[in-house]
Amino acid sequence: MNDPSLVAKVFRAVAIAEALSWTGLLIGMFVKWILATSELGVQVMGPIHGALFVAYVVVTLWTARLFRWDLRTVVIGLLASIPPLTTIWFERHAGATGRLDPARARAVTG
């Protein structure tokens, strides 16, 4: 799957999903550690967030290669996975600066 428009949509979807899972995990940690009422939120959202974190890293590298991002952009994109909700900021930034423009995409052969 190397259609630039589709890859950009997948990147956007995974960036948003990763941020939402971070939010869910933070809520679960609040309930577990501050309210001390249940561990269910962490038990459910922990693995979901972990999977989406890994998916975001993989999709970011895939997108970076296809759209020819420079190293600085790749590093910022990967670092955006660490602070909560920053993947949404990076996705918006990448779109606004043309880094998700299909015209930038590497020509795909085969």
PDB file of N, CA and C in Angstrom:
ATOM      1  N   MET A   1       0.861  -1.178   0.000  1.00  0.00           N
ATOM      2  CA  MET A   1       0.000   0.000   0.000  1.00  0.00           C
ATOM      3  C   MET A   1       0.903   1.236   0.000  1.00  0.00           C
ATOM      4  N   ASN A   2       1.072   1.813  -1.156  1.00  0.00           N
ATOM      5  CA  ASN A   2       1.925   2.994  -1.271  1.00  0.00           C
ATOM      6  C   ASN A   2       1.212   4.165  -1.923  1.00  0.00           C
ATOM      7  N   ASP A   3      -0.107   4.177  -1.856  1.00  0.00           N
ATOM      8  CA  ASP A   3      -0.879   5.312  -2.357  1.00  0.00           C
ATOM      9  C   ASP A   3      -0.703   6.468  -1.369  1.00  0.00           C
ATOM     10  N   PRO A   4      -0.073   7.572  -1.775  1.00  0.00           N
ATOM     11  CA  PRO A   4       0.218   8.670  -0.849  1.00  0.00           C
ATOM     12  C   PRO A   4      -1.008   9.206  -0.109  1.00  0.00           C
ATOM     13  N   SER A   5      -2.124   9.322  -0.790  1.00  0.00           N
ATOM     14  CA  SER A   5      -3.329   9.832  -0.127  1.00  0.00           C
ATOM     15  C   SER A   5      -3.788   8.879   0.972  1.00  0.00           C
ATOM     16  N   LEU A   6      -3.729   7.582   0.681  1.00  0.00           N
ATOM     17  CA  LEU A   6      -4.142   6.586   1.669  1.00  0.00           C
ATOM     18  C   LEU A   6      -3.168   6.536   2.839  1.00  0.00           C
ATOM     19  N   VAL A   7      -1.875   6.618   2.550  1.00  0.00           N
ATOM     20  CA  VAL A   7      -0.870   6.606   3.622  1.00  0.00           C
ATOM     21  C   VAL A   7      -1.062   7.820   4.524  1.00  0.00           C
ATOM     22  N   ALA A   8      -1.320   8.985   3.942  1.00  0.00           N
ATOM     23  CA  ALA A   8      -1.561  10.188   4.745  1.00  0.00           C
ATOM     24  C   ALA A   8      -2.791  10.007   5.636  1.00  0.00           C
ATOM     25  N   LYS A   9      -3.841   9.393   5.109  1.00  0.00           N
ATOM     26  CA  LYS A   9      -5.057   9.151   5.908  1.00  0.00           C
ATOM     27  C   LYS A   9      -4.777   8.165   7.041  1.00  0.00           C
ATOM     28  N   VAL A  10      -4.013   7.115   6.747  1.00  0.00           N
ATOM     29  CA  VAL A  10      -3.658   6.142   7.788  1.00  0.00           C
ATOM     30  C   VAL A  10      -2.817   6.829   8.866  1.00  0.00           C
ATOM     31  N   PHE A  11      -1.854   7.654   8.443  1.00  0.00           N
ATOM     32  CA  PHE A  11      -1.031   8.376   9.412  1.00  0.00           C
ATOM     33  C   PHE A  11      -1.903   9.244  10.316  1.00  0.00           C
ATOM     34  N   ARG A  12      -2.823   9.979   9.719  1.00  0.00           N
ATOM     35  CA  ARG A  12      -3.716  10.835  10.508  1.00  0.00           C
ATOM     36  C   ARG A  12      -4.548  10.009  11.495  1.00  0.00           C
ATOM     37  N   ALA A  13      -5.118   8.916  11.018  1.00  0.00           N
ATOM     38  CA  ALA A  13      -5.968   8.075  11.871  1.00  0.00           C
ATOM     39  C   ALA A  13      -5.177   7.485  13.037  1.00  0.00           C
ATOM     40  N   VAL A  14      -3.975   6.996  12.764  1.00  0.00           N
ATOM     41  CA  VAL A  14      -3.159   6.396  13.826  1.00  0.00           C
ATOM     42  C   VAL A  14      -2.678   7.458  14.813  1.00  0.00           C
ATOM     43  N   ALA A  15      -2.329   8.642  14.317  1.00  0.00           N
ATOM     44  CA  ALA A  15      -1.899   9.724  15.212  1.00  0.00           C
ATOM     45  C   ALA A  15      -3.022  10.112  16.164  1.00  0.00           C
ATOM     46  N   ILE A  16      -4.227  10.211  15.659  1.00  0.00           N
ATOM     47  CA  ILE A  16      -5.379  10.567  16.504  1.00  0.00           C
ATOM     48  C   ILE A  16      -5.700   9.434  17.468  1.00  0.00           C
ATOM     49  N   ALA A  17      -5.696   8.204  16.974  1.00  0.00           N
ATOM     50  CA  ALA A  17      -5.994   7.052  17.841  1.00  0.00           C
ATOM     51  C   ALA A  17      -4.962   6.931  18.966  1.00  0.00           C
ATOM     52  N   GLU A  18      -3.689   7.167  18.646  1.00  0.00           N
ATOM     53  CA  GLU A  18      -2.639   7.090  19.675  1.00  0.00           C
ATOM     54  C   GLU A  18      -2.885   8.146  20.751  1.00  0.00           C
ATOM     55  N   ALA A  19      -3.242   9.338  20.343  1.00  0.00           N
ATOM     56  CA  ALA A  19      -3.512  10.411  21.309  1.00  0.00           C
ATOM     57  C   ALA A  19      -4.735  10.080  22.171  1.00  0.00           C
ATOM     58  N   LEU A  20      -5.769   9.551  21.558  1.00  0.00           N
ATOM     59  CA  LEU A  20      -6.965   9.188  22.327  1.00  0.00           C
ATOM     60  C   LEU A  20      -6.668   8.052  23.310  1.00  0.00           C
ATOM     61  N   SER A  21      -5.838   7.104  22.884  1.00  0.00           N
ATOM     62  CA  SER A  21      -5.496   6.010  23.803  1.00  0.00           C
ATOM     63  C   SER A  21      -4.654   6.525  24.964  1.00  0.00           C
ATOM     64  N   TRP A  22      -3.807   7.525  24.717  1.00  0.00           N
ATOM     65  CA  TRP A  22      -3.036   8.162  25.794  1.00  0.00           C
ATOM     66  C   TRP A  22      -4.001   8.774  26.803  1.00  0.00           C
ATOM     67  N   THR A  23      -5.013   9.462  26.280  1.00  0.00           N
ATOM     68  CA  THR A  23      -6.012  10.086  27.156  1.00  0.00           C
ATOM     69  C   THR A  23      -6.720   9.034  27.994  1.00  0.00           C
ATOM     70  N   GLY A  24      -7.126   7.943  27.340  1.00  0.00           N
ATOM     71  CA  GLY A  24      -7.783   6.858  28.077  1.00  0.00           C
ATOM     72  C   GLY A  24      -6.889   6.266  29.147  1.00  0.00           C
ATOM     73  N   LEU A  25      -5.625   6.091  28.827  1.00  0.00           N
ATOM     74  CA  LEU A  25      -4.685   5.549  29.808  1.00  0.00           C
ATOM     75  C   LEU A  25      -4.479   6.519  30.969  1.00  0.00           C
ATOM     76  N   LEU A  26      -4.376   7.808  30.670  1.00  0.00           N
ATOM     77  CA  LEU A  26      -4.232   8.800  31.744  1.00  0.00           C
ATOM     78  C   LEU A  26      -5.454   8.806  32.666  1.00  0.00           C
ATOM     79  N   ILE A  27      -6.626   8.685  32.093  1.00  0.00           N
ATOM     80  CA  ILE A  27      -7.846   8.606  32.912  1.00  0.00           C
ATOM     81  C   ILE A  27      -7.806   7.339  33.766  1.00  0.00           C
ATOM     82  N   GLY A  28      -7.402   6.230  33.142  1.00  0.00           N
ATOM     83  CA  GLY A  28      -7.285   4.977  33.900  1.00  0.00           C
ATOM     84  C   GLY A  28      -6.288   5.084  35.037  1.00  0.00           C
ATOM     85  N   MET A  29      -5.163   5.757  34.801  1.00  0.00           N
ATOM     86  CA  MET A  29      -4.166   5.935  35.864  1.00  0.00           C
ATOM     87  C   MET A  29      -4.698   6.847  36.968  1.00  0.00           C
ATOM     88  N   PHE A  30      -5.465   7.864  36.595  1.00  0.00           N
ATOM     89  CA  PHE A  30      -6.070   8.745  37.595  1.00  0.00           C
ATOM     90  C   PHE A  30      -7.017   7.957  38.496  1.00  0.00           C
ATOM     91  N   VAL A  31      -7.843   7.131  37.878  1.00  0.00           N
ATOM     92  CA  VAL A  31      -8.793   6.321  38.659  1.00  0.00           C
ATOM     93  C   VAL A  31      -8.044   5.330  39.551  1.00  0.00           C
ATOM     94  N   LYS A  32      -6.996   4.731  39.010  1.00  0.00           N
ATOM     95  CA  LYS A  32      -6.239   3.744  39.787  1.00  0.00           C
ATOM     96  C   LYS A  32      -5.454   4.378  40.930  1.00  0.00           C
ATOM     97  N   TRP A  33      -4.695   5.440  40.641  1.00  0.00           N
ATOM     98  CA  TRP A  33      -3.762   5.963  41.623  1.00  0.00           C
ATOM     99  C   TRP A  33      -4.308   7.104  42.486  1.00  0.00           C
ATOM    100  N   ILE A  34      -5.187   7.929  41.947  1.00  0.00           N
ATOM    101  CA  ILE A  34      -5.699   9.069  42.721  1.00  0.00           C
ATOM    102  C   ILE A  34      -6.997   8.696  43.423  1.00  0.00           C
ATOM    103  N   LEU A  35      -7.944   8.162  42.658  1.00  0.00           N
ATOM    104  CA  LEU A  35      -9.218   7.763  43.265  1.00  0.00           C
ATOM    105  C   LEU A  35      -9.117   6.418  43.970  1.00  0.00           C
ATOM    106  N   ALA A  36      -8.133   5.629  43.581  1.00  0.00           N
ATOM    107  CA  ALA A  36      -7.881   4.306  44.177  1.00  0.00           C
ATOM    108  C   ALA A  36      -9.141   3.446  44.207  1.00  0.00           C
ATOM    109  N   THR A  37      -9.870   3.441  43.089  1.00  0.00           N
ATOM    110  CA  THR A  37     -11.112   2.669  43.052  1.00  0.00           C
ATOM    111  C   THR A  37     -11.066   1.475  42.111  1.00  0.00           C
ATOM    112  N   SER A  38     -10.263   1.542  41.046  1.00  0.00           N
ATOM    113  CA  SER A  38     -10.270   0.447  40.077  1.00  0.00           C
ATOM    114  C   SER A  38      -9.001   0.468  39.238  1.00  0.00           C
ATOM    115  N   GLU A  39      -8.559  -0.724  38.870  1.00  0.00           N
ATOM    116  CA  GLU A  39      -7.419  -0.857  37.971  1.00  0.00           C
ATOM    117  C   GLU A  39      -7.871  -1.172  36.547  1.00  0.00           C
ATOM    118  N   LEU A  40      -9.156  -1.277  36.332  1.00  0.00           N
ATOM    119  CA  LEU A  40      -9.695  -1.713  35.044  1.00  0.00           C
ATOM    120  C   LEU A  40      -9.263  -0.806  33.888  1.00  0.00           C
ATOM    121  N   GLY A  41      -9.286   0.494  34.107  1.00  0.00           N
ATOM    122  CA  GLY A  41      -8.901   1.423  33.042  1.00  0.00           C
ATOM    123  C   GLY A  41      -7.485   1.205  32.563  1.00  0.00           C
ATOM    124  N   VAL A  42      -6.567   0.971  33.492  1.00  0.00           N
ATOM    125  CA  VAL A  42      -5.170   0.725  33.137  1.00  0.00           C
ATOM    126  C   VAL A  42      -5.038  -0.650  32.474  1.00  0.00           C
ATOM    127  N   GLN A  43      -5.755  -1.629  32.993  1.00  0.00           N
ATOM    128  CA  GLN A  43      -5.687  -2.975  32.424  1.00  0.00           C
ATOM    129  C   GLN A  43      -6.202  -3.010  30.989  1.00  0.00           C
ATOM    130  N   VAL A  44      -7.209  -2.204  30.694  1.00  0.00           N
ATOM    131  CA  VAL A  44      -7.772  -2.170  29.346  1.00  0.00           C
ATOM    132  C   VAL A  44      -6.965  -1.233  28.442  1.00  0.00           C
ATOM    133  N   MET A  45      -6.738  -0.011  28.904  1.00  0.00           N
ATOM    134  CA  MET A  45      -6.110   1.001  28.043  1.00  0.00           C
ATOM    135  C   MET A  45      -4.597   0.824  27.901  1.00  0.00           C
ATOM    136  N   GLY A  46      -3.956   0.198  28.861  1.00  0.00           N
ATOM    137  CA  GLY A  46      -2.507  -0.012  28.764  1.00  0.00           C
ATOM    138  C   GLY A  46      -2.110  -0.774  27.507  1.00  0.00           C
ATOM    139  N   PRO A  47      -2.656  -1.964  27.282  1.00  0.00           N
ATOM    140  CA  PRO A  47      -2.306  -2.702  26.068  1.00  0.00           C
ATOM    141  C   PRO A  47      -2.773  -2.016  24.777  1.00  0.00           C
ATOM    142  N   ILE A  48      -3.921  -1.366  24.831  1.00  0.00           N
ATOM    143  CA  ILE A  48      -4.409  -0.652  23.645  1.00  0.00           C
ATOM    144  C   ILE A  48      -3.447   0.477  23.291  1.00  0.00           C
ATOM    145  N   HIS A  49      -3.062   1.251  24.301  1.00  0.00           N
ATOM    146  CA  HIS A  49      -2.123   2.346  24.047  1.00  0.00           C
ATOM    147  C   HIS A  49      -0.771   1.809  23.574  1.00  0.00           C
ATOM    148  N   GLY A  50      -0.313   0.735  24.179  1.00  0.00           N
ATOM    149  CA  GLY A  50       0.965   0.147  23.758  1.00  0.00           C
ATOM    150  C   GLY A  50       0.940  -0.253  22.293  1.00  0.00           C
ATOM    151  N   ALA A  51      -0.133  -0.883  21.863  1.00  0.00           N
ATOM    152  CA  ALA A  51      -0.254  -1.302  20.461  1.00  0.00           C
ATOM    153  C   ALA A  51      -0.327  -0.091  19.533  1.00  0.00           C
ATOM    154  N   LEU A  52      -1.078   0.925  19.934  1.00  0.00           N
ATOM    155  CA  LEU A  52      -1.194   2.118  19.098  1.00  0.00           C
ATOM    156  C   LEU A  52       0.103   2.928  19.080  1.00  0.00           C
ATOM    157  N   PHE A  53       0.842   2.908  20.165  1.00  0.00           N
ATOM    158  CA  PHE A  53       2.158   3.555  20.199  1.00  0.00           C
ATOM    159  C   PHE A  53       3.087   2.909  19.168  1.00  0.00           C
ATOM    160  N   VAL A  54       3.134   1.580  19.178  1.00  0.00           N
ATOM    161  CA  VAL A  54       3.977   0.857  18.216  1.00  0.00           C
ATOM    162  C   VAL A  54       3.479   1.122  16.787  1.00  0.00           C
ATOM    163  N   ALA A  55       2.170   1.104  16.600  1.00  0.00           N
ATOM    164  CA  ALA A  55       1.603   1.376  15.270  1.00  0.00           C
ATOM    165  C   ALA A  55       1.991   2.777  14.806  1.00  0.00           C
ATOM    166  N   TYR A  56       1.930   3.755  15.704  1.00  0.00           N
ATOM    167  CA  TYR A  56       2.297   5.122  15.336  1.00  0.00           C
ATOM    168  C   TYR A  56       3.760   5.199  14.897  1.00  0.00           C
ATOM    169  N   VAL A  57       4.644   4.544  15.619  1.00  0.00           N
ATOM    170  CA  VAL A  57       6.066   4.561  15.258  1.00  0.00           C
ATOM    171  C   VAL A  57       6.260   3.941  13.869  1.00  0.00           C
ATOM    172  N   VAL A  58       5.652   2.790  13.630  1.00  0.00           N
ATOM    173  CA  VAL A  58       5.785   2.111  12.338  1.00  0.00           C
ATOM    174  C   VAL A  58       5.202   2.965  11.213  1.00  0.00           C
ATOM    175  N   VAL A  59       4.003   3.497  11.425  1.00  0.00           N
ATOM    176  CA  VAL A  59       3.351   4.301  10.390  1.00  0.00           C
ATOM    177  C   VAL A  59       4.111   5.606  10.154  1.00  0.00           C
ATOM    178  N   THR A  60       4.684   6.182  11.201  1.00  0.00           N
ATOM    179  CA  THR A  60       5.487   7.400  11.031  1.00  0.00           C
ATOM    180  C   THR A  60       6.711   7.125  10.164  1.00  0.00           C
ATOM    181  N   LEU A  61       7.392   6.027  10.405  1.00  0.00           N
ATOM    182  CA  LEU A  61       8.563   5.682   9.594  1.00  0.00           C
ATOM    183  C   LEU A  61       8.162   5.397   8.147  1.00  0.00           C
ATOM    184  N   TRP A  62       7.057   4.713   7.956  1.00  0.00           N
ATOM    185  CA  TRP A  62       6.543   4.412   6.618  1.00  0.00           C
ATOM    186  C   TRP A  62       6.182   5.713   5.879  1.00  0.00           C
ATOM    187  N   THR A  63       5.484   6.592   6.584  1.00  0.00           N
ATOM    188  CA  THR A  63       5.072   7.875   5.998  1.00  0.00           C
ATOM    189  C   THR A  63       6.303   8.720   5.673  1.00  0.00           C
ATOM    190  N   ALA A  64       7.253   8.754   6.587  1.00  0.00           N
ATOM    191  CA  ALA A  64       8.479   9.543   6.383  1.00  0.00           C
ATOM    192  C   ALA A  64       9.225   9.086   5.138  1.00  0.00           C
ATOM    193  N   ARG A  65       9.300   7.796   4.950  1.00  0.00           N
ATOM    194  CA  ARG A  65      10.005   7.263   3.776  1.00  0.00           C
ATOM    195  C   ARG A  65       9.270   7.628   2.495  1.00  0.00           C
ATOM    196  N   LEU A  66       7.966   7.416   2.490  1.00  0.00           N
ATOM    197  CA  LEU A  66       7.182   7.685   1.285  1.00  0.00           C
ATOM    198  C   LEU A  66       7.162   9.172   0.929  1.00  0.00           C
ATOM    199  N   PHE A  67       7.046  10.029   1.958  1.00  0.00           N
ATOM    200  CA  PHE A  67       6.936  11.469   1.717  1.00  0.00           C
ATOM    201  C   PHE A  67       8.279  12.202   1.779  1.00  0.00           C
ATOM    202  N   ARG A  68       9.366  11.448   1.908  1.00  0.00           N
ATOM    203  CA  ARG A  68      10.718  12.000   1.878  1.00  0.00           C
ATOM    204  C   ARG A  68      10.973  13.054   2.960  1.00  0.00           C
ATOM    205  N   TRP A  69      10.615  12.724   4.179  1.00  0.00           N
ATOM    206  CA  TRP A  69      10.872  13.656   5.271  1.00  0.00           C
ATOM    207  C   TRP A  69      12.365  13.692   5.576  1.00  0.00           C
ATOM    208  N   ASP A  70      12.838  14.865   5.997  1.00  0.00           N
ATOM    209  CA  ASP A  70      14.231  14.953   6.436  1.00  0.00           C
ATOM    210  C   ASP A  70      14.348  14.352   7.838  1.00  0.00           C
ATOM    211  N   LEU A  71      15.578  14.119   8.268  1.00  0.00           N
ATOM    212  CA  LEU A  71      15.816  13.449   9.558  1.00  0.00           C
ATOM    213  C   LEU A  71      15.205  14.216  10.721  1.00  0.00           C
ATOM    214  N   ARG A  72      15.304  15.528  10.687  1.00  0.00           N
ATOM    215  CA  ARG A  72      14.747  16.357  11.774  1.00  0.00           C
ATOM    216  C   ARG A  72      13.238  16.124  11.909  1.00  0.00           C
ATOM    217  N   THR A  73      12.531  16.088  10.795  1.00  0.00           N
ATOM    218  CA  THR A  73      11.086  15.868  10.822  1.00  0.00           C
ATOM    219  C   THR A  73      10.762  14.474  11.348  1.00  0.00           C
ATOM    220  N   VAL A  74      11.536  13.485  10.925  1.00  0.00           N
ATOM    221  CA  VAL A  74      11.315  12.112  11.397  1.00  0.00           C
ATOM    222  C   VAL A  74      11.503  12.045  12.913  1.00  0.00           C
ATOM    223  N   VAL A  75      12.579  12.634  13.406  1.00  0.00           N
ATOM    224  CA  VAL A  75      12.853  12.602  14.846  1.00  0.00           C
ATOM    225  C   VAL A  75      11.740  13.310  15.619  1.00  0.00           C
ATOM    226  N   ILE A  76      11.303  14.461  15.157  1.00  0.00           N
ATOM    227  CA  ILE A  76      10.209  15.175  15.831  1.00  0.00           C
ATOM    228  C   ILE A  76       8.936  14.329  15.793  1.00  0.00           C
ATOM    229  N   GLY A  77       8.663  13.716  14.659  1.00  0.00           N
ATOM    230  CA  GLY A  77       7.482  12.855  14.545  1.00  0.00           C
ATOM    231  C   GLY A  77       7.525  11.697  15.527  1.00  0.00           C
ATOM    232  N   LEU A  78       8.685  11.087  15.665  1.00  0.00           N
ATOM    233  CA  LEU A  78       8.820   9.969  16.608  1.00  0.00           C
ATOM    234  C   LEU A  78       8.748  10.449  18.055  1.00  0.00           C
ATOM    235  N   LEU A  79       9.403  11.565  18.348  1.00  0.00           N
ATOM    236  CA  LEU A  79       9.347  12.107  19.714  1.00  0.00           C
ATOM    237  C   LEU A  79       7.933  12.541  20.095  1.00  0.00           C
ATOM    238  N   ALA A  80       7.113  12.885  19.108  1.00  0.00           N
ATOM    239  CA  ALA A  80       5.742  13.305  19.375  1.00  0.00           C
ATOM    240  C   ALA A  80       4.914  12.187  20.000  1.00  0.00           C
ATOM    241  N   SER A  81       5.393  10.956  19.906  1.00  0.00           N
ATOM    242  CA  SER A  81       4.647   9.834  20.487  1.00  0.00           C
ATOM    243  C   SER A  81       4.800   9.760  22.005  1.00  0.00           C
ATOM    244  N   ILE A  82       5.706  10.527  22.576  1.00  0.00           N
ATOM    245  CA  ILE A  82       5.983  10.411  24.010  1.00  0.00           C
ATOM    246  C   ILE A  82       5.065  11.285  24.864  1.00  0.00           C
ATOM    247  N   PRO A  83       5.000  12.610  24.671  1.00  0.00           N
ATOM    248  CA  PRO A  83       4.083  13.402  25.504  1.00  0.00           C
ATOM    249  C   PRO A  83       2.627  13.167  25.079  1.00  0.00           C
ATOM    250  N   PRO A  84       1.720  13.155  26.029  1.00  0.00           N
ATOM    251  CA  PRO A  84       0.309  12.955  25.678  1.00  0.00           C
ATOM    252  C   PRO A  84      -0.198  13.988  24.669  1.00  0.00           C
ATOM    253  N   LEU A  85      -0.950  13.507  23.692  1.00  0.00           N
ATOM    254  CA  LEU A  85      -1.661  14.301  22.682  1.00  0.00           C
ATOM    255  C   LEU A  85      -0.760  14.994  21.666  1.00  0.00           C
ATOM    256  N   THR A  86       0.527  14.803  21.733  1.00  0.00           N
ATOM    257  CA  THR A  86       1.439  15.501  20.833  1.00  0.00           C
ATOM    258  C   THR A  86       1.394  14.941  19.416  1.00  0.00           C
ATOM    259  N   THR A  87       0.949  13.696  19.249  1.00  0.00           N
ATOM    260  CA  THR A  87       0.843  13.140  17.901  1.00  0.00           C
ATOM    261  C   THR A  87      -0.183  13.914  17.077  1.00  0.00           C
ATOM    262  N   ILE A  88      -1.216  14.425  17.725  1.00  0.00           N
ATOM    263  CA  ILE A  88      -2.200  15.239  16.998  1.00  0.00           C
ATOM    264  C   ILE A  88      -1.540  16.535  16.534  1.00  0.00           C
ATOM    265  N   TRP A  89      -0.786  17.173  17.417  1.00  0.00           N
ATOM    266  CA  TRP A  89      -0.072  18.396  17.020  1.00  0.00           C
ATOM    267  C   TRP A  89       0.839  18.119  15.831  1.00  0.00           C
ATOM    268  N   PHE A  90       1.620  17.015  15.909  1.00  0.00           N
ATOM    269  CA  PHE A  90       2.554  16.733  14.830  1.00  0.00           C
ATOM    270  C   PHE A  90       1.822  16.440  13.528  1.00  0.00           C
ATOM    271  N   GLU A  91       0.738  15.698  13.584  1.00  0.00           N
ATOM    272  CA  GLU A  91      -0.025  15.396  12.371  1.00  0.00           C
ATOM    273  C   GLU A  91      -0.539  16.683  11.740  1.00  0.00           C
ATOM    274  N   ARG A  92      -1.053  17.591  12.549  1.00  0.00           N
ATOM    275  CA  ARG A  92      -1.534  18.890  12.043  1.00  0.00           C
ATOM    276  C   ARG A  92      -0.372  19.689  11.443  1.00  0.00           C
ATOM    277  N   HIS A  93       0.758  19.693  12.127  1.00  0.00           N
ATOM    278  CA  HIS A  93       1.944  20.406  11.652  1.00  0.00           C
ATOM    279  C   HIS A  93       2.421  19.827  10.314  1.00  0.00           C
ATOM    280  N   ALA A  94       2.480  18.508  10.228  1.00  0.00           N
ATOM    281  CA  ALA A  94       2.931  17.866   8.986  1.00  0.00           C
ATOM    282  C   ALA A  94       2.000  18.221   7.827  1.00  0.00           C
ATOM    283  N   GLY A  95       0.711  18.223   8.082  1.00  0.00           N
ATOM    284  CA  GLY A  95      -0.243  18.598   7.042  1.00  0.00           C
ATOM    285  C   GLY A  95      -0.124  20.051   6.643  1.00  0.00           C
ATOM    286  N   ALA A  96       0.007  20.926   7.626  1.00  0.00           N
ATOM    287  CA  ALA A  96       0.066  22.370   7.362  1.00  0.00           C
ATOM    288  C   ALA A  96       1.346  22.782   6.637  1.00  0.00           C
ATOM    289  N   THR A  97       2.409  22.028   6.820  1.00  0.00           N
ATOM    290  CA  THR A  97       3.685  22.378   6.189  1.00  0.00           C
ATOM    291  C   THR A  97       3.932  21.597   4.894  1.00  0.00           C
ATOM    292  N   GLY A  98       2.919  20.891   4.422  1.00  0.00           N
ATOM    293  CA  GLY A  98       3.030  20.174   3.153  1.00  0.00           C
ATOM    294  C   GLY A  98       3.742  18.843   3.223  1.00  0.00           C
ATOM    295  N   ARG A  99       4.048  18.374   4.417  1.00  0.00           N
ATOM    296  CA  ARG A  99       4.782  17.117   4.547  1.00  0.00           C
ATOM    297  C   ARG A  99       3.917  15.890   4.271  1.00  0.00           C
ATOM    298  N   LEU A 100       2.602  16.098   4.109  1.00  0.00           N
ATOM    299  CA  LEU A 100       1.708  15.011   3.742  1.00  0.00           C
ATOM    300  C   LEU A 100       1.106  15.232   2.345  1.00  0.00           C
ATOM    301  N   ASP A 101       1.714  16.118   1.591  1.00  0.00           N
ATOM    302  CA  ASP A 101       1.256  16.431   0.242  1.00  0.00           C
ATOM    303  C   ASP A 101       1.652  15.286  -0.699  1.00  0.00           C
ATOM    304  N   PRO A 102       0.686  14.675  -1.383  1.00  0.00           N
ATOM    305  CA  PRO A 102       1.010  13.571  -2.290  1.00  0.00           C
ATOM    306  C   PRO A 102       2.052  13.923  -3.350  1.00  0.00           C
ATOM    307  N   ALA A 103       2.198  15.196  -3.696  1.00  0.00           N
ATOM    308  CA  ALA A 103       3.205  15.594  -4.682  1.00  0.00           C
ATOM    309  C   ALA A 103       4.628  15.351  -4.166  1.00  0.00           C
ATOM    310  N   ARG A 104       4.804  15.287  -2.848  1.00  0.00           N
ATOM    311  CA  ARG A 104       6.131  15.034  -2.254  1.00  0.00           C
ATOM    312  C   ARG A 104       6.487  13.561  -2.250  1.00  0.00           C
ATOM    313  N   ALA A 105       5.493  12.729  -2.463  1.00  0.00           N
ATOM    314  CA  ALA A 105       5.695  11.284  -2.280  1.00  0.00           C
ATOM    315  C   ALA A 105       6.675  10.716  -3.294  1.00  0.00           C
ATOM    316  N   ARG A 106       7.410   9.759  -2.826  1.00  0.00           N
ATOM    317  CA  ARG A 106       8.386   9.048  -3.652  1.00  0.00           C
ATOM    318  C   ARG A 106       7.630   8.262  -4.728  1.00  0.00           C
ATOM    319  N   ALA A 107       8.122   8.286  -5.931  1.00  0.00           N
ATOM    320  CA  ALA A 107       7.505   7.504  -7.004  1.00  0.00           C
ATOM    321  C   ALA A 107       7.622   6.025  -6.667  1.00  0.00           C
ATOM    322  N   VAL A 108       6.520   5.309  -6.793  1.00  0.00           N
ATOM    323  CA  VAL A 108       6.482   3.883  -6.449  1.00  0.00           C
ATOM    324  C   VAL A 108       6.484   3.082  -7.733  1.00  0.00           C
ATOM    325  N   THR A 109       7.390   2.141  -7.821  1.00  0.00           N
ATOM    326  CA  THR A 109       7.436   1.285  -9.002  1.00  0.00           C
ATOM    327  C   THR A 109       6.983  -0.109  -8.618  1.00  0.00           C
ATOM    328  N   GLY A 110       6.473  -0.816  -9.580  1.00  0.00           N
ATOM    329  CA  GLY A 110       6.091  -2.192  -9.341  1.00  0.00           C
ATOM    330  C   GLY A 110       4.674  -2.322  -9.292  1.00  0.00           C
TER     331      GLY A 110
END
